[in-house]
PDB file of N, CA and C in Angstrom:
ATOM      1  N   ALA A   1       0.818  -1.264  -0.136  1.00  0.00           N
ATOM      2  CA  ALA A   1      -0.006  -0.127   0.154  1.00  0.00           C
ATOM      3  C   ALA A   1       0.854   1.216  -0.106  1.00  0.00           C
ATOM      4  N   SER A   2       2.063   1.110   0.693  1.00  0.00           N
ATOM      5  CA  SER A   2       2.999   2.381   0.906  1.00  0.00           C
ATOM      6  C   SER A   2       3.534   2.533  -0.653  1.00  0.00           C
ATOM      7  N   LEU A   3       3.753   1.527  -1.083  1.00  0.00           N
ATOM      8  CA  LEU A   3       4.535   1.929  -2.696  1.00  0.00           C
ATOM      9  C   LEU A   3       3.367   2.421  -3.606  1.00  0.00           C
ATOM     10  N   VAL A   4       2.106   2.238  -3.500  1.00  0.00           N
ATOM     11  CA  VAL A   4       1.082   2.995  -4.186  1.00  0.00           C
ATOM     12  C   VAL A   4       1.192   4.571  -4.065  1.00  0.00           C
ATOM     13  N   ILE A   5       1.287   4.574  -2.761  1.00  0.00           N
ATOM     14  CA  ILE A   5       1.026   6.046  -2.363  1.00  0.00           C
ATOM     15  C   ILE A   5       2.412   6.953  -2.583  1.00  0.00           C
ATOM     16  N   LEU A   6       3.772   6.203  -2.436  1.00  0.00           N
ATOM     17  CA  LEU A   6       4.832   6.752  -2.866  1.00  0.00           C
ATOM     18  C   LEU A   6       4.773   6.999  -4.135  1.00  0.00           C
ATOM     19  N   SER A   7       4.413   6.181  -4.900  1.00  0.00           N
ATOM     20  CA  SER A   7       4.534   6.540  -6.520  1.00  0.00           C
ATOM     21  C   SER A   7       3.467   7.603  -6.795  1.00  0.00           C
ATOM     22  N   GLY A   8       2.217   7.480  -6.244  1.00  0.00           N
ATOM     23  CA  GLY A   8       1.512   8.847  -6.536  1.00  0.00           C
ATOM     24  C   GLY A   8       2.201  10.163  -5.906  1.00  0.00           C
ATOM     25  N   ALA A   9       2.673  10.180  -5.113  1.00  0.00           N
ATOM     26  CA  ALA A   9       3.524  11.470  -4.358  1.00  0.00           C
ATOM     27  C   ALA A   9       4.732  11.716  -5.371  1.00  0.00           C
ATOM     28  N   LEU A  10       5.248  10.909  -5.768  1.00  0.00           N
ATOM     29  CA  LEU A  10       6.549  11.118  -6.748  1.00  0.00           C
ATOM     30  C   LEU A  10       5.954  11.793  -8.034  1.00  0.00           C
ATOM     31  N   THR A  11       5.135  11.120  -8.408  1.00  0.00           N
ATOM     32  CA  THR A  11       4.514  11.801  -9.861  1.00  0.00           C
ATOM     33  C   THR A  11       3.933  13.161  -9.633  1.00  0.00           C
ATOM     34  N   GLN A  12       3.297  13.364  -8.471  1.00  0.00           N
ATOM     35  CA  GLN A  12       2.619  14.678  -7.924  1.00  0.00           C
ATOM     36  C   GLN A  12       3.468  15.633  -7.681  1.00  0.00           C
ATOM     37  N   PHE A  13       4.646  15.215  -7.394  1.00  0.00           N
ATOM     38  CA  PHE A  13       5.823  16.460  -7.176  1.00  0.00           C
ATOM     39  C   PHE A  13       6.972  16.544  -8.594  1.00  0.00           C
ATOM     40  N   GLY A  14       6.364  15.952  -9.645  1.00  0.00           N
ATOM     41  CA  GLY A  14       7.040  15.690 -10.751  1.00  0.00           C
ATOM     42  C   GLY A  14       8.677  15.059 -10.666  1.00  0.00           C
ATOM     43  N   LEU A  15       8.792  14.039  -9.707  1.00  0.00           N
ATOM     44  CA  LEU A  15       9.918  13.275  -9.548  1.00  0.00           C
ATOM     45  C   LEU A  15       9.575  12.095 -10.324  1.00  0.00           C
ATOM     46  N   PRO A  16      10.889  11.453 -10.693  1.00  0.00           N
ATOM     47  CA  PRO A  16      10.851  10.272 -11.852  1.00  0.00           C
ATOM     48  C   PRO A  16      10.731   9.135 -10.917  1.00  0.00           C
ATOM     49  N   LEU A  17       9.854   8.233 -11.293  1.00  0.00           N
ATOM     50  CA  LEU A  17       9.391   6.952 -10.691  1.00  0.00           C
ATOM     51  C   LEU A  17      10.564   6.000 -10.565  1.00  0.00           C
ATOM     52  N   GLU A  18      11.906   6.375 -10.641  1.00  0.00           N
ATOM     53  CA  GLU A  18      12.829   5.584 -10.706  1.00  0.00           C
ATOM     54  C   GLU A  18      13.338   5.639  -9.216  1.00  0.00           C
ATOM     55  N   GLY A  19      12.869   6.842  -8.608  1.00  0.00           N
ATOM     56  CA  GLY A  19      13.289   7.132  -7.186  1.00  0.00           C
ATOM     57  C   GLY A  19      12.473   6.128  -6.231  1.00  0.00           C
ATOM     58  N   VAL A  20      11.702   5.419  -6.656  1.00  0.00           N
ATOM     59  CA  VAL A  20      10.746   4.282  -6.162  1.00  0.00           C
ATOM     60  C   VAL A  20      11.756   3.126  -5.503  1.00  0.00           C
ATOM     61  N   ALA A  21      12.537   2.859  -6.697  1.00  0.00           N
ATOM     62  CA  ALA A  21      13.708   1.751  -6.322  1.00  0.00           C
ATOM     63  C   ALA A  21      14.653   1.893  -5.332  1.00  0.00           C
ATOM     64  N   LEU A  22      14.814   3.391  -4.970  1.00  0.00           N
ATOM     65  CA  LEU A  22      15.906   3.873  -4.304  1.00  0.00           C
ATOM     66  C   LEU A  22      15.321   3.810  -2.744  1.00  0.00           C
ATOM     67  N   ILE A  23      13.890   4.206  -2.804  1.00  0.00           N
ATOM     68  CA  ILE A  23      13.537   4.287  -1.472  1.00  0.00           C
ATOM     69  C   ILE A  23      12.963   2.940  -1.035  1.00  0.00           C
ATOM     70  N   LEU A  24      12.744   1.729  -1.901  1.00  0.00           N
ATOM     71  CA  LEU A  24      12.317   0.483  -1.612  1.00  0.00           C
ATOM     72  C   LEU A  24      13.511  -0.216  -0.541  1.00  0.00           C
ATOM     73  N   GLY A  25      14.539   0.188  -0.951  1.00  0.00           N
ATOM     74  CA  GLY A  25      15.801  -0.566  -0.536  1.00  0.00           C
ATOM     75  C   GLY A  25      15.968  -0.156   1.008  1.00  0.00           C
ATOM     76  N   VAL A  26      15.324   1.302   1.518  1.00  0.00           N
ATOM     77  CA  VAL A  26      15.482   1.703   2.579  1.00  0.00           C
ATOM     78  C   VAL A  26      14.280   1.402   3.379  1.00  0.00           C
ATOM     79  N   ASP A  27      13.061   1.153   2.719  1.00  0.00           N
ATOM     80  CA  ASP A  27      11.845   1.032   3.235  1.00  0.00           C
ATOM     81  C   ASP A  27      11.854  -0.193   4.457  1.00  0.00           C
ATOM     82  N   ALA A  28      12.195  -1.000   3.831  1.00  0.00           N
ATOM     83  CA  ALA A  28      12.183  -2.369   4.736  1.00  0.00           C
ATOM     84  C   ALA A  28      12.814  -2.283   6.382  1.00  0.00           C
ATOM     85  N   VAL A  29      13.930  -1.645   6.411  1.00  0.00           N
ATOM     86  CA  VAL A  29      14.353  -1.262   7.621  1.00  0.00           C
ATOM     87  C   VAL A  29      13.497  -0.140   8.272  1.00  0.00           C
ATOM     88  N   MET A  30      13.027   0.960   7.568  1.00  0.00           N
ATOM     89  CA  MET A  30      12.126   1.872   8.182  1.00  0.00           C
ATOM     90  C   MET A  30      10.824   1.258   8.582  1.00  0.00           C
ATOM     91  N   ASP A  31      10.161   0.152   7.867  1.00  0.00           N
ATOM     92  CA  ASP A  31       9.092  -0.607   8.192  1.00  0.00           C
ATOM     93  C   ASP A  31       8.978  -1.174   9.650  1.00  0.00           C
ATOM     94  N   MET A  32      10.487  -1.748   9.707  1.00  0.00           N
ATOM     95  CA  MET A  32      10.691  -2.418  10.998  1.00  0.00           C
ATOM     96  C   MET A  32      10.585  -1.440  12.329  1.00  0.00           C
ATOM     97  N   ALA A  33      11.267  -0.142  11.848  1.00  0.00           N
ATOM     98  CA  ALA A  33      11.246   0.843  13.075  1.00  0.00           C
ATOM     99  C   ALA A  33       9.813   1.246  13.282  1.00  0.00           C
ATOM    100  N   ARG A  34       9.053   1.473  12.321  1.00  0.00           N
ATOM    101  CA  ARG A  34       7.680   1.820  12.325  1.00  0.00           C
ATOM    102  C   ARG A  34       6.891   0.901  13.378  1.00  0.00           C
ATOM    103  N   THR A  35       7.270  -0.493  12.909  1.00  0.00           N
ATOM    104  CA  THR A  35       6.457  -1.463  13.597  1.00  0.00           C
ATOM    105  C   THR A  35       6.906  -1.459  15.094  1.00  0.00           C
ATOM    106  N   SER A  36       8.257  -1.265  15.353  1.00  0.00           N
ATOM    107  CA  SER A  36       8.720  -1.389  16.757  1.00  0.00           C
ATOM    108  C   SER A  36       8.036  -0.101  17.409  1.00  0.00           C
ATOM    109  N   VAL A  37       8.084   0.955  16.769  1.00  0.00           N
ATOM    110  CA  VAL A  37       7.355   2.393  17.678  1.00  0.00           C
ATOM    111  C   VAL A  37       5.783   2.040  17.805  1.00  0.00           C
ATOM    112  N   ASN A  38       5.121   1.316  17.079  1.00  0.00           N
ATOM    113  CA  ASN A  38       3.867   1.148  17.300  1.00  0.00           C
ATOM    114  C   ASN A  38       3.659   0.066  18.057  1.00  0.00           C
ATOM    115  N   LEU A  39       4.333  -1.071  18.517  1.00  0.00           N
ATOM    116  CA  LEU A  39       4.335  -2.163  19.212  1.00  0.00           C
ATOM    117  C   LEU A  39       4.732  -1.334  20.653  1.00  0.00           C
ATOM    118  N   VAL A  40       5.523  -0.617  20.689  1.00  0.00           N
ATOM    119  CA  VAL A  40       5.740  -0.052  22.086  1.00  0.00           C
ATOM    120  C   VAL A  40       4.838   1.014  22.657  1.00  0.00           C
ATOM    121  N   GLY A  41       4.045   1.680  21.637  1.00  0.00           N
ATOM    122  CA  GLY A  41       2.991   2.723  21.927  1.00  0.00           C
ATOM    123  C   GLY A  41       1.705   1.702  22.447  1.00  0.00           C
ATOM    124  N   ASN A  42       1.497   0.921  21.804  1.00  0.00           N
ATOM    125  CA  ASN A  42       0.523  -0.071  21.925  1.00  0.00           C
ATOM    126  C   ASN A  42       0.636  -0.665  23.643  1.00  0.00           C
ATOM    127  N   CYS A  43       1.587  -1.123  23.727  1.00  0.00           N
ATOM    128  CA  CYS A  43       2.012  -1.882  25.180  1.00  0.00           C
ATOM    129  C   CYS A  43       1.789  -0.494  26.213  1.00  0.00           C
ATOM    130  N   LEU A  44       2.467   0.647  25.803  1.00  0.00           N
ATOM    131  CA  LEU A  44       2.372   1.657  26.812  1.00  0.00           C
ATOM    132  C   LEU A  44       0.887   2.229  27.091  1.00  0.00           C
ATOM    133  N   ALA A  45       0.251   2.272  26.145  1.00  0.00           N
ATOM    134  CA  ALA A  45      -1.009   2.671  26.133  1.00  0.00           C
ATOM    135  C   ALA A  45      -2.017   1.709  27.013  1.00  0.00           C
ATOM    136  N   THR A  46      -1.699   0.381  26.785  1.00  0.00           N
ATOM    137  CA  THR A  46      -2.428  -0.777  27.668  1.00  0.00           C
ATOM    138  C   THR A  46      -2.034  -0.618  29.152  1.00  0.00           C
ATOM    139  N   VAL A  47      -0.897  -0.316  29.589  1.00  0.00           N
ATOM    140  CA  VAL A  47      -0.714  -0.311  30.795  1.00  0.00           C
ATOM    141  C   VAL A  47      -1.029   1.073  31.139  1.00  0.00           C
ATOM    142  N   VAL A  48      -1.246   2.172  30.793  1.00  0.00           N
ATOM    143  CA  VAL A  48      -1.776   3.623  31.216  1.00  0.00           C
ATOM    144  C   VAL A  48      -3.142   3.402  31.369  1.00  0.00           C
ATOM    145  N   MET A  49      -3.945   2.805  30.340  1.00  0.00           N
ATOM    146  CA  MET A  49      -5.200   2.279  30.532  1.00  0.00           C
ATOM    147  C   MET A  49      -5.651   1.654  31.787  1.00  0.00           C
ATOM    148  N   ALA A  50      -4.850   0.393  31.935  1.00  0.00           N
ATOM    149  CA  ALA A  50      -4.926  -0.563  32.966  1.00  0.00           C
ATOM    150  C   ALA A  50      -4.754   0.313  34.309  1.00  0.00           C
ATOM    151  N   ARG A  51      -3.784   1.206  34.536  1.00  0.00           N
ATOM    152  CA  ARG A  51      -3.567   1.790  35.760  1.00  0.00           C
ATOM    153  C   ARG A  51      -4.814   2.828  35.942  1.00  0.00           C
ATOM    154  N   TRP A  52      -5.215   3.518  34.695  1.00  0.00           N
ATOM    155  CA  TRP A  52      -6.213   4.306  35.044  1.00  0.00           C
ATOM    156  C   TRP A  52      -7.260   3.893  35.537  1.00  0.00           C
ATOM    157  N   GLU A  53      -7.502   2.460  35.194  1.00  0.00           N
ATOM    158  CA  GLU A  53      -9.047   1.866  35.718  1.00  0.00           C
ATOM    159  C   GLU A  53      -8.661   0.979  36.864  1.00  0.00           C
ATOM    160  N   GLY A  54      -7.605   1.038  37.427  1.00  0.00           N
ATOM    161  CA  GLY A  54      -7.348   0.643  38.695  1.00  0.00           C
ATOM    162  C   GLY A  54      -6.982  -1.153  38.349  1.00  0.00           C
ATOM    163  N   GLU A  55      -6.812  -1.578  37.306  1.00  0.00           N
ATOM    164  CA  GLU A  55      -6.932  -2.852  36.912  1.00  0.00           C
ATOM    165  C   GLU A  55      -5.248  -3.484  37.014  1.00  0.00           C
ATOM    166  N   PHE A  56      -4.333  -2.631  37.203  1.00  0.00           N
ATOM    167  CA  PHE A  56      -2.961  -3.007  36.918  1.00  0.00           C
ATOM    168  C   PHE A  56      -2.541  -3.392  38.152  1.00  0.00           C
ATOM    169  N   ASP A  57      -1.889  -4.446  38.123  1.00  0.00           N
ATOM    170  CA  ASP A  57      -1.343  -5.295  39.198  1.00  0.00           C
ATOM    171  C   ASP A  57       0.220  -5.126  39.298  1.00  0.00           C
ATOM    172  N   ASP A  58       0.800  -4.317  39.941  1.00  0.00           N
ATOM    173  CA  ASP A  58       2.362  -4.080  40.267  1.00  0.00           C
ATOM    174  C   ASP A  58       3.069  -5.280  40.416  1.00  0.00           C
ATOM    175  N   SER A  59       2.589  -6.044  41.571  1.00  0.00           N
ATOM    176  CA  SER A  59       3.197  -7.446  41.839  1.00  0.00           C
ATOM    177  C   SER A  59       3.487  -8.437  40.875  1.00  0.00           C
ATOM    178  N   ALA A  60       2.304  -8.478  39.928  1.00  0.00           N
ATOM    179  CA  ALA A  60       2.225  -9.435  39.234  1.00  0.00           C
ATOM    180  C   ALA A  60       3.189  -9.044  38.028  1.00  0.00           C
ATOM    181  N   ALA A  61       3.051  -7.656  37.636  1.00  0.00           N
ATOM    182  CA  ALA A  61       3.894  -7.335  36.530  1.00  0.00           C
ATOM    183  C   ALA A  61       5.473  -7.354  36.856  1.00  0.00           C
ATOM    184  N   VAL A  62       5.957  -7.002  38.216  1.00  0.00           N
ATOM    185  CA  VAL A  62       7.337  -7.460  38.568  1.00  0.00           C
ATOM    186  C   VAL A  62       7.502  -8.716  38.443  1.00  0.00           C
ATOM    187  N   ALA A  63       6.584  -9.675  39.104  1.00  0.00           N
ATOM    188  CA  ALA A  63       6.850 -11.132  38.916  1.00  0.00           C
ATOM    189  C   ALA A  63       7.220 -11.556  37.507  1.00  0.00           C
ATOM    190  N   VAL A  64       6.340 -11.180  36.643  1.00  0.00           N
ATOM    191  CA  VAL A  64       6.796 -11.374  35.300  1.00  0.00           C
ATOM    192  C   VAL A  64       7.916 -10.675  34.662  1.00  0.00           C
ATOM    193  N   LEU A  65       8.356  -9.646  34.944  1.00  0.00           N
ATOM    194  CA  LEU A  65       9.519  -9.031  34.304  1.00  0.00           C
ATOM    195  C   LEU A  65      10.642  -9.300  35.149  1.00  0.00           C
ATOM    196  N   GLN A  66      10.770  -9.902  36.137  1.00  0.00           N
ATOM    197  CA  GLN A  66      12.079 -10.140  36.983  1.00  0.00           C
ATOM    198  C   GLN A  66      12.748 -11.340  36.096  1.00  0.00           C
ATOM    199  N   PRO A  67      14.044 -11.668  36.248  1.00  0.00           N
ATOM    200  CA  PRO A  67      14.801 -12.518  35.148  1.00  0.00           C
ATOM    201  C   PRO A  67      14.394 -13.768  36.100  1.00  0.00           C
ATOM    202  N   GLN A  68      14.392 -14.953  35.264  1.00  0.00           N
ATOM    203  CA  GLN A  68      14.297 -16.257  36.054  1.00  0.00           C
ATOM    204  C   GLN A  68      15.571 -16.885  36.229  1.00  0.00           C
ATOM    205  N   PRO A  69      15.944 -17.756  37.241  1.00  0.00           N
ATOM    206  CA  PRO A  69      17.312 -18.412  37.281  1.00  0.00           C
ATOM    207  C   PRO A  69      17.145 -19.593  36.238  1.00  0.00           C
ATOM    208  N   ALA A  70      18.606 -19.673  35.714  1.00  0.00           N
ATOM    209  CA  ALA A  70      18.643 -20.532  34.837  1.00  0.00           C
ATOM    210  C   ALA A  70      18.597 -21.949  35.305  1.00  0.00           C
TER     211      ALA A  70
END
């Protein structure tokens, strides 16, 4: 989907479509970064909402996040 939007944006600004090939080489890395930011944001929002509603259990979270002995 982003490729279609990118192609449209390039033609709208009068840029050659060959630029899409250059951007595709970097887009995979950028997509991983966008996905990571989205994941962290969703996790943070979940914790904030649980705390706001009084449903977050601090002791359970600490127990899960503590390193387990090997």
